[in-house]
Each structure stands twice: as structure tokens, then as C-alpha cells.
């Protein structure tokens, strides 16, 4: 299943919803979409809603880690929400759960950033 990204802006916060499989095939799409938001559209914070992900591999972890570095270098934060048990376990094993803020829902993620 291909990956799709739906994004919306809330001031300087971008909410991106990923649906499908986040793997080597879709990594470029995710990386380019998020980089565009960060660099060109001057987004300071990202909310990544992963509730629609059916699969994620190490390539996806690498893309998220790269965006984490970009955002934090700008003084921003990434909040991830909607993790399935499988994706949550991947975050735990990779160490992403130690550096990224994880919220149960998109609404909670926006509250963490003071938007909702």
C-alpha cells in the first residue's frame, strides 16, 4: 500500500497525517514534504499523526530522526501521536520514544504545543 500525507497548518505548527506504509519507497515523499514545510514554509513545530500507518521500517525511522534534528535546531518540537502498538514498539526499540514527545491523540499533541 502506498503512503499518503495530508497536512494542514496551524500558525507555525504543521500537522501531518501519514497513511499507509512508511518504507524505503515512500521515504523520499515524507522527507521532501516535511523539509518543504520546515525550510520553505517556516514551520517551527510538527505534529505527526501516525494512526494511519500500517507499516514502518528503519528508513522511516531515519527520516523522522532527520526531521527531528532539523526542527530542534530551530528551537522547535515534534510531537508524535496515534501510535499503534507495533509502531510504538518500533519507537521504543529505536530510541525515538526517548527523544520525541508522544501524545495519545492529535488534539493532545496540539495542546502540548499550545495550539489547541
N, C-alpha and C. Protein backbone atom coordinates (compact mmCIF):
# COMPACT_ATOMS: atom_id res chain seq x y z
N UNK A 1 0.84 -1.19 0.00
CA UNK A 1 0.00 0.00 0.00
C UNK A 1 0.88 1.24 0.00
N UNK A 2 0.59 2.16 -0.87
CA UNK A 2 1.35 3.40 -0.97
C UNK A 2 1.07 4.29 0.23
N UNK A 3 1.95 5.22 0.46
CA UNK A 3 1.80 6.16 1.56
C UNK A 3 1.23 7.46 1.05
N UNK A 4 0.34 8.06 1.84
CA UNK A 4 -0.14 9.40 1.52
C UNK A 4 0.07 10.28 2.74
N UNK A 5 0.26 11.56 2.49
CA UNK A 5 0.44 12.54 3.55
C UNK A 5 -0.58 13.65 3.35
N UNK A 6 -1.31 13.92 4.41
CA UNK A 6 -2.24 15.04 4.40
C UNK A 6 -1.78 15.99 5.48
N UNK A 7 -1.56 17.24 5.11
CA UNK A 7 -1.03 18.22 6.07
C UNK A 7 -1.91 19.45 6.14
N UNK A 8 -1.92 20.05 7.31
CA UNK A 8 -2.59 21.33 7.49
C UNK A 8 -1.77 22.15 8.46
N UNK A 9 -1.89 23.43 8.29
CA UNK A 9 -1.09 24.36 9.08
C UNK A 9 -1.94 25.02 10.15
N UNK A 10 -1.38 25.15 11.34
CA UNK A 10 -1.99 25.88 12.46
C UNK A 10 -0.95 26.90 12.89
N UNK A 11 -0.93 28.06 12.27
CA UNK A 11 0.10 29.05 12.56
C UNK A 11 1.46 28.51 12.14
N UNK A 12 2.38 28.38 13.09
CA UNK A 12 3.72 27.88 12.78
C UNK A 12 3.86 26.40 13.11
N UNK A 13 2.70 25.73 13.25
CA UNK A 13 2.67 24.28 13.51
C UNK A 13 2.08 23.58 12.29
N UNK A 14 2.77 22.54 11.82
CA UNK A 14 2.25 21.72 10.73
C UNK A 14 1.80 20.39 11.30
N UNK A 15 0.55 20.02 11.00
CA UNK A 15 0.04 18.71 11.37
C UNK A 15 0.05 17.87 10.11
N UNK A 16 0.77 16.76 10.16
CA UNK A 16 0.84 15.85 9.02
C UNK A 16 0.34 14.48 9.44
N UNK A 17 -0.59 13.97 8.63
CA UNK A 17 -1.16 12.64 8.88
C UNK A 17 -0.62 11.69 7.82
N UNK A 18 0.06 10.64 8.27
CA UNK A 18 0.63 9.66 7.36
C UNK A 18 -0.27 8.43 7.34
N UNK A 19 -0.60 7.98 6.12
CA UNK A 19 -1.49 6.84 5.95
C UNK A 19 -0.84 5.87 4.97
N UNK A 20 -0.70 4.61 5.39
CA UNK A 20 -0.14 3.58 4.52
C UNK A 20 1.14 3.02 5.08
N UNK A 21 2.06 2.66 4.19
CA UNK A 21 3.33 2.05 4.56
C UNK A 21 4.47 3.05 4.43
N UNK A 22 5.18 3.28 5.53
CA UNK A 22 6.31 4.20 5.58
C UNK A 22 7.57 3.36 5.48
N UNK A 23 8.06 3.23 4.25
CA UNK A 23 9.22 2.38 4.00
C UNK A 23 10.15 3.07 3.03
N UNK A 24 11.11 2.33 2.50
CA UNK A 24 12.10 2.89 1.58
C UNK A 24 11.45 3.54 0.37
N UNK A 25 10.38 2.97 -0.12
CA UNK A 25 9.68 3.50 -1.29
C UNK A 25 9.06 4.87 -1.02
N UNK A 26 8.54 5.06 0.18
CA UNK A 26 7.82 6.30 0.48
C UNK A 26 8.66 7.32 1.26
N UNK A 27 9.86 6.94 1.64
CA UNK A 27 10.69 7.82 2.49
C UNK A 27 10.98 9.16 1.82
N UNK A 28 11.23 9.16 0.54
CA UNK A 28 11.55 10.42 -0.16
C UNK A 28 10.36 11.37 -0.12
N UNK A 29 9.16 10.84 -0.32
CA UNK A 29 7.95 11.66 -0.27
C UNK A 29 7.81 12.32 1.11
N UNK A 30 7.96 11.54 2.16
CA UNK A 30 7.82 12.08 3.51
C UNK A 30 8.92 13.10 3.79
N UNK A 31 10.16 12.74 3.49
CA UNK A 31 11.28 13.65 3.74
C UNK A 31 11.08 14.97 3.00
N UNK A 32 10.78 14.91 1.72
CA UNK A 32 10.62 16.12 0.93
C UNK A 32 9.44 16.98 1.39
N UNK A 33 8.33 16.34 1.73
CA UNK A 33 7.15 17.07 2.19
C UNK A 33 7.44 17.80 3.50
N UNK A 34 8.06 17.09 4.44
CA UNK A 34 8.34 17.72 5.74
C UNK A 34 9.45 18.76 5.64
N UNK A 35 10.46 18.51 4.82
CA UNK A 35 11.52 19.52 4.63
C UNK A 35 10.96 20.78 4.01
N UNK A 36 10.07 20.64 3.06
CA UNK A 36 9.43 21.79 2.42
C UNK A 36 8.72 22.64 3.48
N UNK A 37 7.98 21.98 4.36
CA UNK A 37 7.26 22.70 5.42
C UNK A 37 8.23 23.40 6.36
N UNK A 38 9.29 22.72 6.74
CA UNK A 38 10.23 23.28 7.71
C UNK A 38 11.03 24.44 7.11
N UNK A 39 11.60 24.22 5.95
CA UNK A 39 12.51 25.20 5.37
C UNK A 39 11.82 26.31 4.60
N UNK A 40 10.88 25.97 3.75
CA UNK A 40 10.27 26.96 2.87
C UNK A 40 9.09 27.67 3.55
N UNK A 41 8.28 26.90 4.26
CA UNK A 41 7.09 27.48 4.88
C UNK A 41 7.34 27.95 6.32
N UNK A 42 8.58 27.82 6.78
CA UNK A 42 8.99 28.29 8.11
C UNK A 42 8.16 27.71 9.25
N UNK A 43 7.95 26.41 9.19
CA UNK A 43 7.24 25.72 10.27
C UNK A 43 8.21 25.53 11.44
N UNK A 44 7.76 25.85 12.65
CA UNK A 44 8.58 25.69 13.84
C UNK A 44 8.36 24.36 14.54
N UNK A 45 7.13 23.85 14.49
CA UNK A 45 6.78 22.61 15.20
C UNK A 45 6.02 21.68 14.27
N UNK A 46 6.19 20.38 14.51
CA UNK A 46 5.48 19.36 13.73
C UNK A 46 4.67 18.47 14.64
N UNK A 47 3.46 18.17 14.21
CA UNK A 47 2.67 17.10 14.82
C UNK A 47 2.57 16.02 13.74
N UNK A 48 3.03 14.83 14.08
CA UNK A 48 2.96 13.72 13.15
C UNK A 48 1.93 12.72 13.66
N UNK A 49 0.81 12.64 12.96
CA UNK A 49 -0.24 11.70 13.33
C UNK A 49 0.02 10.42 12.54
N UNK A 50 0.42 9.37 13.25
CA UNK A 50 0.79 8.11 12.60
C UNK A 50 -0.29 7.04 12.76
N UNK A 51 -1.49 7.44 13.13
CA UNK A 51 -2.56 6.47 13.36
C UNK A 51 -2.93 5.70 12.10
N UNK A 52 -2.64 6.25 10.93
CA UNK A 52 -2.97 5.58 9.67
C UNK A 52 -1.85 4.72 9.12
N UNK A 53 -0.72 4.64 9.82
CA UNK A 53 0.39 3.81 9.34
C UNK A 53 0.08 2.34 9.55
N UNK A 54 0.33 1.55 8.52
CA UNK A 54 0.17 0.11 8.63
C UNK A 54 1.52 -0.58 8.75
N UNK A 55 2.60 0.15 8.44
CA UNK A 55 3.95 -0.42 8.49
C UNK A 55 4.95 0.73 8.51
N UNK A 56 6.06 0.52 9.23
CA UNK A 56 7.17 1.46 9.20
C UNK A 56 8.45 0.67 9.40
N UNK A 57 9.48 0.98 8.60
CA UNK A 57 10.76 0.30 8.74
C UNK A 57 11.85 1.28 9.16
N UNK A 58 13.08 0.82 9.14
CA UNK A 58 14.21 1.65 9.60
C UNK A 58 14.41 2.89 8.74
N UNK A 59 14.02 2.83 7.48
CA UNK A 59 14.12 4.01 6.63
C UNK A 59 13.22 5.12 7.16
N UNK A 60 12.03 4.76 7.59
CA UNK A 60 11.11 5.72 8.18
C UNK A 60 11.67 6.32 9.46
N UNK A 61 12.31 5.49 10.27
CA UNK A 61 12.95 5.98 11.49
C UNK A 61 14.01 7.01 11.14
N UNK A 62 14.80 6.73 10.14
CA UNK A 62 15.85 7.66 9.71
C UNK A 62 15.28 8.99 9.24
N UNK A 63 14.19 8.94 8.49
CA UNK A 63 13.56 10.18 8.01
C UNK A 63 13.03 11.00 9.20
N UNK A 64 12.38 10.34 10.13
CA UNK A 64 11.85 11.06 11.30
C UNK A 64 12.97 11.63 12.15
N UNK A 65 14.05 10.89 12.31
CA UNK A 65 15.19 11.38 13.08
C UNK A 65 15.81 12.61 12.41
N UNK A 66 15.91 12.60 11.10
CA UNK A 66 16.43 13.76 10.36
C UNK A 66 15.56 14.99 10.54
N UNK A 67 14.23 14.82 10.51
CA UNK A 67 13.33 15.96 10.70
C UNK A 67 13.38 16.43 12.15
N UNK A 68 13.56 15.49 13.08
CA UNK A 68 13.71 15.86 14.48
C UNK A 68 14.91 16.79 14.65
N UNK A 69 16.01 16.45 14.03
CA UNK A 69 17.22 17.27 14.13
C UNK A 69 16.98 18.64 13.52
N UNK A 70 16.31 18.70 12.37
CA UNK A 70 16.03 19.99 11.72
C UNK A 70 15.17 20.88 12.62
N UNK A 71 14.11 20.30 13.16
CA UNK A 71 13.17 21.07 13.97
C UNK A 71 13.83 21.54 15.27
N UNK A 72 14.56 20.66 15.95
CA UNK A 72 15.15 21.04 17.23
C UNK A 72 16.27 22.07 17.05
N UNK A 73 16.97 22.03 15.92
CA UNK A 73 17.99 23.05 15.65
C UNK A 73 17.36 24.43 15.49
N UNK A 74 16.09 24.47 15.14
CA UNK A 74 15.36 25.73 15.00
C UNK A 74 14.66 26.12 16.31
N UNK A 75 14.83 25.31 17.34
CA UNK A 75 14.18 25.57 18.62
C UNK A 75 12.77 25.03 18.71
N UNK A 76 12.38 24.20 17.75
CA UNK A 76 11.03 23.66 17.72
C UNK A 76 10.94 22.27 18.33
N UNK A 77 9.72 21.74 18.27
CA UNK A 77 9.45 20.42 18.82
C UNK A 77 8.64 19.59 17.83
N UNK A 78 8.81 18.27 17.92
CA UNK A 78 7.97 17.33 17.19
C UNK A 78 7.17 16.55 18.21
N UNK A 79 5.87 16.47 17.97
CA UNK A 79 5.01 15.64 18.80
C UNK A 79 4.39 14.59 17.89
N UNK A 80 4.54 13.34 18.28
CA UNK A 80 4.02 12.21 17.51
C UNK A 80 2.80 11.67 18.23
N UNK A 81 1.76 11.34 17.47
CA UNK A 81 0.55 10.81 18.09
C UNK A 81 -0.02 9.67 17.25
N UNK A 82 -0.95 8.96 17.86
CA UNK A 82 -1.66 7.90 17.15
C UNK A 82 -0.83 6.66 16.87
N UNK A 83 0.08 6.33 17.78
CA UNK A 83 0.94 5.17 17.55
C UNK A 83 0.19 3.87 17.82
N UNK A 84 0.20 2.97 16.84
CA UNK A 84 -0.33 1.63 17.07
C UNK A 84 0.66 0.90 17.97
N UNK A 85 0.25 -0.20 18.58
CA UNK A 85 1.20 -0.95 19.43
C UNK A 85 2.48 -1.36 18.68
N UNK A 86 2.36 -1.73 17.42
CA UNK A 86 3.52 -2.14 16.64
C UNK A 86 4.46 -0.97 16.39
N UNK A 87 3.92 0.18 16.00
CA UNK A 87 4.74 1.36 15.73
C UNK A 87 5.31 1.89 17.04
N UNK A 88 4.54 1.84 18.12
CA UNK A 88 5.04 2.27 19.43
C UNK A 88 6.24 1.42 19.85
N UNK A 89 6.17 0.13 19.59
CA UNK A 89 7.29 -0.77 19.92
C UNK A 89 8.51 -0.41 19.10
N UNK A 90 8.33 -0.08 17.82
CA UNK A 90 9.43 0.34 16.96
C UNK A 90 10.06 1.63 17.48
N UNK A 91 9.24 2.57 17.93
CA UNK A 91 9.76 3.81 18.53
C UNK A 91 10.57 3.50 19.78
N UNK A 92 10.08 2.56 20.58
CA UNK A 92 10.78 2.19 21.81
C UNK A 92 12.13 1.53 21.50
N UNK A 93 12.13 0.58 20.59
CA UNK A 93 13.36 -0.14 20.24
C UNK A 93 14.41 0.75 19.59
N UNK A 94 13.94 1.73 18.81
CA UNK A 94 14.87 2.61 18.09
C UNK A 94 15.37 3.77 18.94
N UNK A 95 14.71 4.02 20.06
CA UNK A 95 15.08 5.15 20.91
C UNK A 95 14.33 6.43 20.58
N UNK A 96 13.50 6.43 19.54
CA UNK A 96 12.74 7.64 19.20
C UNK A 96 11.80 8.05 20.33
N UNK A 97 11.31 7.08 21.08
CA UNK A 97 10.39 7.41 22.17
C UNK A 97 11.08 8.17 23.30
N UNK A 98 12.40 8.14 23.33
CA UNK A 98 13.14 8.87 24.36
C UNK A 98 13.40 10.32 23.97
N UNK A 99 13.37 10.62 22.69
CA UNK A 99 13.69 11.99 22.26
C UNK A 99 12.48 12.75 21.72
N UNK A 100 11.46 12.05 21.25
CA UNK A 100 10.27 12.71 20.71
C UNK A 100 9.15 12.67 21.74
N UNK A 101 8.34 13.71 21.71
CA UNK A 101 7.17 13.76 22.58
C UNK A 101 6.10 12.88 21.94
N UNK A 102 5.50 12.00 22.72
CA UNK A 102 4.45 11.12 22.21
C UNK A 102 3.16 11.46 22.94
N UNK A 103 2.13 11.73 22.15
CA UNK A 103 0.82 12.07 22.70
C UNK A 103 -0.19 11.03 22.22
N UNK A 104 -1.24 10.80 22.99
CA UNK A 104 -2.23 9.79 22.59
C UNK A 104 -3.06 10.20 21.36
N UNK A 105 -3.32 11.50 21.20
CA UNK A 105 -4.18 11.93 20.10
C UNK A 105 -3.64 13.22 19.49
N UNK A 106 -4.19 13.56 18.33
CA UNK A 106 -3.80 14.79 17.66
C UNK A 106 -4.18 16.01 18.51
N UNK A 107 -5.32 15.96 19.12
CA UNK A 107 -5.77 17.06 19.99
C UNK A 107 -4.79 17.25 21.14
N UNK A 108 -4.38 16.14 21.75
CA UNK A 108 -3.40 16.22 22.85
C UNK A 108 -2.06 16.78 22.35
N UNK A 109 -1.67 16.38 21.16
CA UNK A 109 -0.41 16.86 20.58
C UNK A 109 -0.45 18.37 20.37
N UNK A 110 -1.57 18.88 19.87
CA UNK A 110 -1.71 20.32 19.68
C UNK A 110 -1.73 21.05 21.01
N UNK A 111 -2.30 20.44 22.03
CA UNK A 111 -2.30 21.06 23.36
C UNK A 111 -0.88 21.16 23.91
N UNK A 112 -0.07 20.12 23.67
CA UNK A 112 1.33 20.15 24.12
C UNK A 112 2.04 21.35 23.52
N UNK A 113 1.70 21.68 22.28
CA UNK A 113 2.36 22.80 21.59
C UNK A 113 1.63 24.13 21.82
N UNK A 114 0.57 24.11 22.61
CA UNK A 114 -0.15 25.34 22.93
C UNK A 114 -1.02 25.86 21.81
N UNK A 115 -1.44 24.97 20.90
CA UNK A 115 -2.24 25.41 19.77
C UNK A 115 -3.72 25.16 20.00
N UNK A 116 -4.07 24.07 20.65
CA UNK A 116 -5.49 23.72 20.81
C UNK A 116 -6.07 24.34 22.06
